[in-house]
Amino acid sequence: MAKKRELDELRKLSDEELAKELNEAYRQLFTLRLQLSTRQQNNTAEPKKVRRRIARIRTLQRERQLVAYYQAVAAATEGA
């Protein structure tokens, strides 16, 4: 259920906030990779969690992009 809550929280964010979250997740992934390579981090499952968070954010961005596109197409066909 934690994934569903996280997804609901992400859906509430604006496009700009979602972009910030994506940037932050990429930075976190970079830091984790660096820590794993220098053996400062022992939790090898953490990068997978961050990659999945990135995938969720990108999926939401794509959903919003498609909704905007289809709304524009629908508006254009109504006016024609």
Protein backbone atom coordinates (compact mmCIF):
# COMPACT_ATOMS: atom_id res chain seq x y z
CA MET A 1 0.00 0.00 0.00
CA ALA A 2 2.94 2.34 0.44
CA LYS A 3 3.38 2.49 -3.34
CA LYS A 4 -0.23 3.56 -3.82
CA ARG A 5 0.15 6.31 -1.23
CA GLU A 6 3.35 7.47 -2.87
CA LEU A 7 1.65 7.52 -6.27
CA ASP A 8 -1.30 9.48 -4.88
CA GLU A 9 1.10 12.01 -3.37
CA LEU A 10 2.92 12.35 -6.69
CA ARG A 11 -0.36 12.85 -8.56
CA LYS A 12 -1.17 15.84 -6.32
CA LEU A 13 2.01 17.67 -7.36
CA SER A 14 2.05 20.27 -10.11
CA ASP A 15 4.12 19.78 -13.26
CA GLU A 16 6.92 21.98 -11.91
CA GLU A 17 7.00 20.17 -8.57
CA LEU A 18 7.03 16.84 -10.38
CA ALA A 19 10.02 17.97 -12.44
CA LYS A 20 11.81 18.98 -9.22
CA GLU A 21 11.07 15.57 -7.69
CA LEU A 22 12.46 13.88 -10.80
CA ASN A 23 15.63 15.95 -10.66
CA GLU A 24 16.01 15.19 -6.96
CA ALA A 25 15.52 11.46 -7.57
CA TYR A 26 18.21 11.47 -10.27
CA ARG A 27 20.57 13.23 -7.87
CA GLN A 28 19.77 10.70 -5.16
CA LEU A 29 20.44 7.84 -7.58
CA PHE A 30 23.79 9.36 -8.52
CA THR A 31 24.73 9.74 -4.85
CA LEU A 32 23.72 6.16 -4.08
CA ARG A 33 25.75 4.81 -6.98
CA LEU A 34 28.74 6.77 -5.80
CA GLN A 35 28.31 5.55 -2.23
CA LEU A 36 27.98 1.95 -3.37
CA SER A 37 31.08 2.15 -5.51
CA THR A 38 33.11 3.63 -2.64
CA ARG A 39 31.60 1.13 -0.20
CA GLN A 40 30.02 3.79 1.98
CA GLN A 41 26.57 2.31 1.43
CA ASN A 42 25.66 -1.31 2.20
CA ASN A 43 22.01 -1.22 1.18
CA THR A 44 22.10 -2.46 -2.41
CA ALA A 45 18.30 -2.39 -2.71
CA GLU A 46 18.09 1.38 -2.37
CA PRO A 47 19.05 2.25 -5.99
CA LYS A 48 16.28 -0.04 -7.23
CA LYS A 49 13.75 1.86 -5.12
CA VAL A 50 14.98 5.17 -6.49
CA ARG A 51 14.88 3.89 -10.09
CA ARG A 52 11.29 2.80 -9.58
CA ARG A 53 10.44 6.22 -8.16
CA ILE A 54 11.97 7.80 -11.25
CA ALA A 55 9.88 5.49 -13.44
CA ARG A 56 6.70 6.44 -11.57
CA ILE A 57 7.40 10.14 -11.96
CA ARG A 58 8.19 9.81 -15.67
CA THR A 59 5.03 7.75 -16.19
CA LEU A 60 2.94 10.46 -14.55
CA GLN A 61 4.59 13.11 -16.71
CA ARG A 62 3.81 11.08 -19.83
CA GLU A 63 0.19 10.57 -18.74
CA ARG A 64 -0.22 14.31 -18.32
CA GLN A 65 1.40 14.94 -21.69
CA LEU A 66 -0.99 12.53 -23.41
CA VAL A 67 -4.03 13.99 -21.66
CA ALA A 68 -3.06 17.48 -22.81
CA TYR A 69 -2.52 16.23 -26.37
CA TYR A 70 -5.86 14.42 -26.56
CA GLN A 71 -7.68 17.40 -25.11
CA ALA A 72 -6.10 19.63 -27.76
CA VAL A 73 -7.08 17.21 -30.51
CA ALA A 74 -10.63 16.97 -29.17
CA ALA A 75 -10.91 20.76 -29.01
CA ALA A 76 -9.60 21.09 -32.57
CA THR A 77 -12.04 18.52 -33.95
CA GLU A 78 -15.00 20.17 -32.19
CA GLY A 79 -14.16 23.52 -33.73
CA ALA A 80 -13.80 22.13 -37.26
